C-alpha atoms as a PDB file:
ATOM      1  CA  MET A   1      64.157 109.908 112.494  1.00  0.00           C
ATOM      2  CA  ARG A   2      65.197 108.427 115.728  1.00  0.00           C
ATOM      3  CA  ARG A   3      68.267 109.297 117.475  1.00  0.00           C
ATOM      4  CA  ILE A   4      69.607 106.217 118.935  1.00  0.00           C
ATOM      5  CA  LEU A   5      72.809 106.489 121.044  1.00  0.00           C
ATOM      6  CA  ILE A   6      75.025 103.769 121.499  1.00  0.00           C
ATOM      7  CA  THR A   7      77.915 102.792 124.064  1.00  0.00           C
ATOM      8  CA  ASN A   8      79.842  99.965 125.502  1.00  0.00           C
ATOM      9  CA  ASP A   9      82.455  99.028 128.201  1.00  0.00           C
ATOM     10  CA  ASP A  10      84.729  97.014 125.740  1.00  0.00           C
ATOM     11  CA  GLY A  11      86.143 100.265 124.152  1.00  0.00           C
ATOM     12  CA  ILE A  12      84.978 102.028 121.151  1.00  0.00           C
ATOM     13  CA  GLY A  13      87.087  99.297 118.734  1.00  0.00           C
ATOM     14  CA  SER A  14      85.522  96.184 119.983  1.00  0.00           C
ATOM     15  CA  ASP A  15      83.839  93.888 117.484  1.00  0.00           C
ATOM     16  CA  GLY A  16      80.212  94.006 119.211  1.00  0.00           C
ATOM     17  CA  ILE A  17      79.718  97.466 119.275  1.00  0.00           C
ATOM     18  CA  ILE A  18      80.911  97.991 115.732  1.00  0.00           C
ATOM     19  CA  ARG A  19      78.419  94.755 114.985  1.00  0.00           C
ATOM     20  CA  LEU A  20      75.460  96.239 117.219  1.00  0.00           C
ATOM     21  CA  ALA A  21      76.021  99.992 115.296  1.00  0.00           C
ATOM     22  CA  GLU A  22      75.750  97.845 112.126  1.00  0.00           C
ATOM     23  CA  ALA A  23      72.561  96.440 113.044  1.00  0.00           C
ATOM     24  CA  ALA A  24      71.109  99.340 114.142  1.00  0.00           C
ATOM     25  CA  ARG A  25      71.563 101.952 111.575  1.00  0.00           C
ATOM     26  CA  GLN A  26      68.152 100.653 109.692  1.00  0.00           C
ATOM     27  CA  PHE A  27      66.160 101.797 112.897  1.00  0.00           C
ATOM     28  CA  GLY A  28      67.694 105.571 112.779  1.00  0.00           C
ATOM     29  CA  GLU A  29      70.620 107.870 113.055  1.00  0.00           C
ATOM     30  CA  ILE A  30      73.526 106.358 114.448  1.00  0.00           C
ATOM     31  CA  TRP A  31      75.658 108.134 117.840  1.00  0.00           C
ATOM     32  CA  VAL A  32      78.361 105.941 119.250  1.00  0.00           C
ATOM     33  CA  VAL A  33      80.158 107.575 122.292  1.00  0.00           C
ATOM     34  CA  ALA A  34      82.267 104.652 123.750  1.00  0.00           C
ATOM     35  CA  PRO A  35      85.424 104.471 126.357  1.00  0.00           C
ATOM     36  CA  GLU A  36      88.726 104.868 124.571  1.00  0.00           C
ATOM     37  CA  LYS A  37      89.588 101.483 126.444  1.00  0.00           C
ATOM     38  CA  GLN A  38      88.256  98.453 128.478  1.00  0.00           C
ATOM     39  CA  CYS A  39      86.069  99.420 131.539  1.00  0.00           C
ATOM     40  CA  SER A  40      84.570  96.260 132.482  1.00  0.00           C
ATOM     41  CA  ALA A  41      83.084  95.821 135.869  1.00  0.00           C
ATOM     42  CA  ALA A  42      83.112  99.858 136.605  1.00  0.00           C
ATOM     43  CA  SER A  43      79.107  99.341 136.807  1.00  0.00           C
ATOM     44  CA  HIS A  44      77.164 102.831 137.331  1.00  0.00           C
ATOM     45  CA  SER A  45      80.134 104.865 138.418  1.00  0.00           C
ATOM     46  CA  ILE A  46      80.796 108.270 136.812  1.00  0.00           C
ATOM     47  CA  THR A  47      83.744 110.599 136.591  1.00  0.00           C
ATOM     48  CA  LEU A  48      83.279 113.915 139.185  1.00  0.00           C
ATOM     49  CA  ARG A  49      86.988 114.911 140.175  1.00  0.00           C
ATOM     50  CA  HIS A  50      88.807 115.678 136.770  1.00  0.00           C
ATOM     51  CA  SER A  51      87.622 116.166 133.652  1.00  0.00           C
ATOM     52  CA  VAL A  52      86.874 113.695 130.596  1.00  0.00           C
ATOM     53  CA  GLU A  53      88.167 114.298 127.144  1.00  0.00           C
ATOM     54  CA  ILE A  54      86.050 113.507 123.900  1.00  0.00           C
ATOM     55  CA  LEU A  55      87.440 112.920 120.513  1.00  0.00           C
ATOM     56  CA  PRO A  56      86.488 112.422 117.068  1.00  0.00           C
ATOM     57  CA  HIS A  57      86.800 108.471 115.873  1.00  0.00           C
ATOM     58  CA  ASP A  58      87.013 106.831 112.534  1.00  0.00           C
ATOM     59  CA  PHE A  59      84.679 104.339 113.169  1.00  0.00           C
ATOM     60  CA  PRO A  60      84.474 101.189 110.580  1.00  0.00           C
ATOM     61  CA  VAL A  61      80.415 101.562 110.082  1.00  0.00           C
ATOM     62  CA  ASP A  62      79.141 104.208 107.268  1.00  0.00           C
ATOM     63  CA  GLY A  63      77.273 107.227 108.292  1.00  0.00           C
ATOM     64  CA  VAL A  64      77.885 106.972 112.144  1.00  0.00           C
ATOM     65  CA  TYR A  65      78.665 109.849 114.382  1.00  0.00           C
ATOM     66  CA  ALA A  66      81.398 108.262 116.842  1.00  0.00           C
ATOM     67  CA  PHE A  67      83.721 109.567 119.527  1.00  0.00           C
ATOM     68  CA  SER A  68      85.831 108.122 122.032  1.00  0.00           C
ATOM     69  CA  CYS A  69      85.989 109.161 125.756  1.00  0.00           C
ATOM     70  CA  THR A  70      88.427 108.747 128.698  1.00  0.00           C
ATOM     71  CA  GLY A  71      85.865 108.462 130.956  1.00  0.00           C
ATOM     72  CA  THR A  72      83.505 105.957 132.022  1.00  0.00           C
ATOM     73  CA  PRO A  73      80.410 104.030 130.125  1.00  0.00           C
ATOM     74  CA  ALA A  74      78.273 105.986 131.976  1.00  0.00           C
ATOM     75  CA  ASP A  75      80.098 109.132 131.653  1.00  0.00           C
ATOM     76  CA  CYS A  76      79.657 108.167 127.900  1.00  0.00           C
ATOM     77  CA  VAL A  77      75.928 108.417 128.127  1.00  0.00           C
ATOM     78  CA  ARG A  78      76.027 111.864 129.975  1.00  0.00           C
ATOM     79  CA  VAL A  79      78.257 113.173 127.965  1.00  0.00           C
ATOM     80  CA  GLY A  80      76.823 112.115 124.579  1.00  0.00           C
ATOM     81  CA  SER A  81      73.349 113.016 125.038  1.00  0.00           C
ATOM     82  CA  LEU A  82      74.049 115.920 126.753  1.00  0.00           C
ATOM     83  CA  SER A  83      76.762 117.905 125.113  1.00  0.00           C
ATOM     84  CA  ILE A  84      77.474 115.917 121.941  1.00  0.00           C
ATOM     85  CA  MET A  85      74.442 115.138 120.058  1.00  0.00           C
ATOM     86  CA  LYS A  86      72.684 118.130 118.602  1.00  0.00           C
ATOM     87  CA  GLU A  87      69.236 116.486 120.312  1.00  0.00           C
ATOM     88  CA  ARG A  88      68.399 114.225 122.942  1.00  0.00           C
ATOM     89  CA  PRO A  89      68.392 110.625 121.939  1.00  0.00           C
ATOM     90  CA  ASP A  90      65.038 108.295 121.655  1.00  0.00           C
ATOM     91  CA  ALA A  91      67.273 105.320 122.753  1.00  0.00           C
ATOM     92  CA  VAL A  92      70.316 104.139 124.421  1.00  0.00           C
ATOM     93  CA  LEU A  93      72.167 100.755 123.537  1.00  0.00           C
ATOM     94  CA  SER A  94      74.870  99.435 125.148  1.00  0.00           C
ATOM     95  CA  GLY A  95      77.079  96.474 123.839  1.00  0.00           C
ATOM     96  CA  ILE A  96      76.901  94.167 122.449  1.00  0.00           C
ATOM     97  CA  ASN A  97      79.607  93.294 125.737  1.00  0.00           C
ATOM     98  CA  TYR A  98      81.809  90.161 125.509  1.00  0.00           C
ATOM     99  CA  GLY A  99      80.232  88.346 128.037  1.00  0.00           C
ATOM    100  CA  TYR A 100      76.877  87.502 129.687  1.00  0.00           C
ATOM    101  CA  ASN A 101      75.654  90.603 131.999  1.00  0.00           C
ATOM    102  CA  MET A 102      73.198  88.472 133.942  1.00  0.00           C
ATOM    103  CA  ALA A 103      72.028  86.850 137.482  1.00  0.00           C
ATOM    104  CA  SER A 104      73.756  88.484 140.592  1.00  0.00           C
ATOM    105  CA  ASP A 105      76.714  89.824 138.561  1.00  0.00           C
ATOM    106  CA  ILE A 106      74.972  92.354 136.533  1.00  0.00           C
ATOM    107  CA  GLN A 107      75.477  94.866 139.714  1.00  0.00           C
ATOM    108  CA  TYR A 108      79.099  94.951 138.482  1.00  0.00           C
ATOM    109  CA  SER A 109      78.358  95.689 135.008  1.00  0.00           C
ATOM    110  CA  ALA A 110      79.294  98.658 133.042  1.00  0.00           C
ATOM    111  CA  THR A 111      77.161  97.422 130.231  1.00  0.00           C
ATOM    112  CA  ALA A 112      74.449  97.675 132.548  1.00  0.00           C
ATOM    113  CA  GLY A 113      75.426 100.573 134.299  1.00  0.00           C
ATOM    114  CA  ALA A 114      75.374 102.856 131.089  1.00  0.00           C
ATOM    115  CA  ALA A 115      72.245 101.408 130.373  1.00  0.00           C
ATOM    116  CA  PHE A 116      70.933 102.960 133.566  1.00  0.00           C
ATOM    117  CA  GLU A 117      72.438 106.450 132.996  1.00  0.00           C
ATOM    118  CA  GLY A 118      70.645 106.408 129.592  1.00  0.00           C
ATOM    119  CA  GLU A 119      66.952 105.147 132.015  1.00  0.00           C
ATOM    120  CA  PHE A 120      68.333 108.092 134.819  1.00  0.00           C
ATOM    121  CA  GLN A 121      68.216 110.747 131.787  1.00  0.00           C
ATOM    122  CA  GLY A 122      65.082 109.152 130.571  1.00  0.00           C
ATOM    123  CA  TYR A 123      65.616 107.370 127.640  1.00  0.00           C
ATOM    124  CA  LEU A 124      64.525 104.011 126.573  1.00  0.00           C
ATOM    125  CA  SER A 125      67.900 101.907 127.413  1.00  0.00           C
ATOM    126  CA  ILE A 126      68.799  98.383 126.327  1.00  0.00           C
ATOM    127  CA  ALA A 127      71.819  96.365 127.692  1.00  0.00           C
ATOM    128  CA  LEU A 128      73.030  93.508 124.866  1.00  0.00           C
ATOM    129  CA  SER A 129      75.502  90.946 125.767  1.00  0.00           C
ATOM    130  CA  GLU A 130      77.001  87.124 124.372  1.00  0.00           C
ATOM    131  CA  ALA A 131      79.051  84.907 125.479  1.00  0.00           C
ATOM    132  CA  ALA A 132      82.487  85.564 125.752  1.00  0.00           C
ATOM    133  CA  CYS A 133      83.630  83.391 122.876  1.00  0.00           C
ATOM    134  CA  GLU A 134      84.225  83.687 119.402  1.00  0.00           C
ATOM    135  CA  CYS A 135      80.785  82.002 118.196  1.00  0.00           C
ATOM    136  CA  HIS A 136      78.562  85.203 117.527  1.00  0.00           C
ATOM    137  CA  GLU A 137      75.729  83.279 115.060  1.00  0.00           C
ATOM    138  CA  VAL A 138      72.900  83.381 117.812  1.00  0.00           C
ATOM    139  CA  THR A 139      74.044  86.885 118.162  1.00  0.00           C
ATOM    140  CA  ASP A 140      74.053  87.943 114.548  1.00  0.00           C
ATOM    141  CA  ARG A 141      71.025  85.613 113.650  1.00  0.00           C
ATOM    142  CA  TYR A 142      68.482  87.446 116.097  1.00  0.00           C
ATOM    143  CA  LEU A 143      70.012  90.664 116.712  1.00  0.00           C
ATOM    144  CA  ALA A 144      68.235  92.943 114.135  1.00  0.00           C
ATOM    145  CA  GLU A 145      65.082  91.105 114.651  1.00  0.00           C
ATOM    146  CA  ILE A 146      65.360  91.841 118.238  1.00  0.00           C
ATOM    147  CA  LEU A 147      66.331  95.569 117.858  1.00  0.00           C
ATOM    148  CA  GLY A 148      63.144  95.972 115.644  1.00  0.00           C
ATOM    149  CA  GLU A 149      60.913  94.366 118.527  1.00  0.00           C
ATOM    150  CA  LEU A 150      62.200  96.132 121.445  1.00  0.00           C
ATOM    151  CA  ILE A 151      63.143  99.987 119.796  1.00  0.00           C
ATOM    152  CA  ASP A 152      59.706 101.339 119.995  1.00  0.00           C
ATOM    153  CA  GLU A 153      59.148 100.246 123.578  1.00  0.00           C
ATOM    154  CA  ARG A 154      57.964 102.511 126.155  1.00  0.00           C
ATOM    155  CA  TYR A 155      60.146 104.059 128.239  1.00  0.00           C
ATOM    156  CA  ILE A 156      59.451 103.180 131.903  1.00  0.00           C
ATOM    157  CA  PRO A 157      61.214 105.148 134.911  1.00  0.00           C
ATOM    158  CA  GLY A 158      63.534 102.513 136.689  1.00  0.00           C
ATOM    159  CA  GLN A 159      64.017 100.068 134.141  1.00  0.00           C
ATOM    160  CA  ILE A 160      66.320  99.025 131.769  1.00  0.00           C
ATOM    161  CA  ILE A 161      65.571  96.300 129.159  1.00  0.00           C
ATOM    162  CA  ASN A 162      68.347  93.480 129.127  1.00  0.00           C
ATOM    163  CA  VAL A 163      69.116  90.994 126.308  1.00  0.00           C
ATOM    164  CA  ASN A 164      71.623  87.845 126.462  1.00  0.00           C
ATOM    165  CA  PHE A 165      72.531  86.100 123.479  1.00  0.00           C
ATOM    166  CA  PRO A 166      73.786  81.964 124.153  1.00  0.00           C
ATOM    167  CA  GLY A 167      77.441  81.137 122.997  1.00  0.00           C
ATOM    168  CA  CYS A 168      76.315  78.103 120.498  1.00  0.00           C
ATOM    169  CA  PRO A 169      75.952  77.271 116.760  1.00  0.00           C
ATOM    170  CA  ALA A 170      72.570  79.395 115.429  1.00  0.00           C
ATOM    171  CA  ASP A 171      70.768  75.653 114.654  1.00  0.00           C
ATOM    172  CA  GLU A 172      71.051  74.660 118.506  1.00  0.00           C
ATOM    173  CA  CYS A 173      69.518  77.982 119.720  1.00  0.00           C
ATOM    174  CA  ARG A 174      66.194  77.254 120.978  1.00  0.00           C
ATOM    175  CA  GLY A 175      64.773  80.531 120.288  1.00  0.00           C
ATOM    176  CA  ILE A 176      63.784  83.770 122.275  1.00  0.00           C
ATOM    177  CA  LEU A 177      62.407  83.742 126.009  1.00  0.00           C
ATOM    178  CA  ARG A 178      60.869  86.931 127.358  1.00  0.00           C
ATOM    179  CA  ASP A 179      59.769  88.608 130.303  1.00  0.00           C
ATOM    180  CA  ARG A 180      63.285  86.397 132.035  1.00  0.00           C
ATOM    181  CA  THR A 181      63.428  87.364 135.712  1.00  0.00           C
ATOM    182  CA  VAL A 182      67.372  88.164 137.239  1.00  0.00           C
ATOM    183  CA  SER A 183      68.684  85.147 138.908  1.00  0.00           C
ATOM    184  CA  ARG A 184      69.932  85.567 142.283  1.00  0.00           C
ATOM    185  CA  LEU A 185      72.416  82.966 141.577  1.00  0.00           C
ATOM    186  CA  ALA A 186      75.901  83.983 140.187  1.00  0.00           C
ATOM    187  CA  TYR A 187      77.424  83.041 136.927  1.00  0.00           C
ATOM    188  CA  TYR A 188      80.750  82.859 138.421  1.00  0.00           C
ATOM    189  CA  LYS A 189      81.439  82.098 142.223  1.00  0.00           C
ATOM    190  CA  ASP A 190      84.481  83.912 142.966  1.00  0.00           C
ATOM    191  CA  HIS A 191      87.615  83.671 145.524  1.00  0.00           C
ATOM    192  CA  TYR A 192      91.076  85.268 145.646  1.00  0.00           C
ATOM    193  CA  ASN A 193      94.486  83.193 145.341  1.00  0.00           C
ATOM    194  CA  GLU A 194      97.290  84.494 146.661  1.00  0.00           C
ATOM    195  CA  VAL A 195     100.013  86.161 144.253  1.00  0.00           C
ATOM    196  CA  ARG A 196     102.596  86.907 146.597  1.00  0.00           C
ATOM    197  CA  LYS A 197     103.753  87.989 150.293  1.00  0.00           C
ATOM    198  CA  LEU A 198     104.123  91.801 150.765  1.00  0.00           C
ATOM    199  CA  PRO A 199     107.350  92.698 153.207  1.00  0.00           C
ATOM    200  CA  ASN A 200     105.428  94.427 155.245  1.00  0.00           C
ATOM    201  CA  GLY A 201     103.247  91.410 156.338  1.00  0.00           C
ATOM    202  CA  GLY A 202     100.550  92.198 153.868  1.00  0.00           C
ATOM    203  CA  VAL A 203      99.434  90.167 150.673  1.00  0.00           C
ATOM    204  CA  GLU A 204      98.859  90.551 147.152  1.00  0.00           C
ATOM    205  CA  LEU A 205      95.730  88.737 145.875  1.00  0.00           C
ATOM    206  CA  MET A 206      93.974  88.045 142.670  1.00  0.00           C
ATOM    207  CA  VAL A 207      90.247  86.857 142.042  1.00  0.00           C
ATOM    208  CA  GLU A 208      89.144  83.924 140.142  1.00  0.00           C
ATOM    209  CA  GLY A 209      85.898  83.210 139.189  1.00  0.00           C
ATOM    210  CA  VAL A 210      84.402  79.517 138.874  1.00  0.00           C
ATOM    211  CA  HIS A 211      81.284  78.988 136.516  1.00  0.00           C
ATOM    212  CA  GLU A 212      78.281  77.161 138.233  1.00  0.00           C
ATOM    213  CA  PRO A 213      75.956  76.288 136.020  1.00  0.00           C
ATOM    214  CA  VAL A 214      73.074  75.994 138.123  1.00  0.00           C
ATOM    215  CA  THR A 215      70.081  78.447 138.318  1.00  0.00           C
ATOM    216  CA  GLU A 216      66.335  78.989 138.779  1.00  0.00           C
ATOM    217  CA  ASP A 217      63.624  78.219 136.118  1.00  0.00           C
ATOM    218  CA  GLY A 218      62.462  81.239 134.367  1.00  0.00           C
ATOM    219  CA  SER A 219      65.429  83.360 134.863  1.00  0.00           C
ATOM    220  CA  ASP A 220      68.022  84.954 132.649  1.00  0.00           C
ATOM    221  CA  TYR A 221      70.861  82.312 133.448  1.00  0.00           C
ATOM    222  CA  GLY A 222      68.468  79.492 133.349  1.00  0.00           C
ATOM    223  CA  ALA A 223      67.551  80.834 129.822  1.00  0.00           C
ATOM    224  CA  VAL A 224      71.011  81.114 128.555  1.00  0.00           C
ATOM    225  CA  LEU A 225      71.987  77.615 129.758  1.00  0.00           C
ATOM    226  CA  GLY A 226      68.959  76.250 127.917  1.00  0.00           C
ATOM    227  CA  LYS A 227      70.295  77.641 124.805  1.00  0.00           C
ATOM    228  CA  TYR A 228      67.728  80.415 124.696  1.00  0.00           C
ATOM    229  CA  VAL A 229      68.248  84.295 123.778  1.00  0.00           C
ATOM    230  CA  SER A 230      67.029  86.021 127.335  1.00  0.00           C
ATOM    231  CA  ILE A 231      65.103  89.068 127.066  1.00  0.00           C
ATOM    232  CA  GLY A 232      63.995  90.534 130.326  1.00  0.00           C
ATOM    233  CA  ARG A 233      63.305  94.068 132.325  1.00  0.00           C
ATOM    234  CA  VAL A 234      65.527  95.084 135.090  1.00  0.00           C
ATOM    235  CA  ARG A 235      64.444  97.278 137.904  1.00  0.00           C
ATOM    236  CA  ASN A 236      67.134 100.001 139.129  1.00  0.00           C
ATOM    237  CA  ILE A 237      67.374  99.095 142.841  1.00  0.00           C
ATOM    238  CA  GLY A 238      68.579 102.609 143.601  1.00  0.00           C
END
């Protein structure tokens, strides 16, 4: 039986990881090791200068071995596969993230960072994300089908698989586009707003991202804008 390790960056109680574990049960033995709290934009960071705590978690999917972790999503993959699981996993699934992980924004993504840690440890690793909205119809329609397609893919060093589901009604989705490239553009164009001036002459700033729906043909971003599910391979630039 396959052993599948699941993590995310939205926290172990998030809706996305529960739905992913439920869908993945038919493909093997499921282990969940996920952050105790929100860890978005942590990228591939790991904990080096203090310990991490691992606690059994009452996960709402039957038959799942589940643990929360005080570390980052990449920590969860390291601890889960090297110390918690009885045997090393055959595959790592990271997600389902609330919000797309694609285009140039993927470099900040802890969903992708956790998948890259799985790849670094030698496991087939798949990152999965969806629109930051409450319409999950496309994800729920295609999730099991895509897992079945990808779960026995050959592990390729330096590469993860990245899946993004558009946030539209299922009857508006135009299907699946595979072999998407990573857009060089950004889903959000960031700028900083002044929150307040500080007494010492400094300033407090807060980032704000503005969505700019312009992208290249053949890219992950272009697929999602066109209401397709995007599947692509992403190389580790490190």
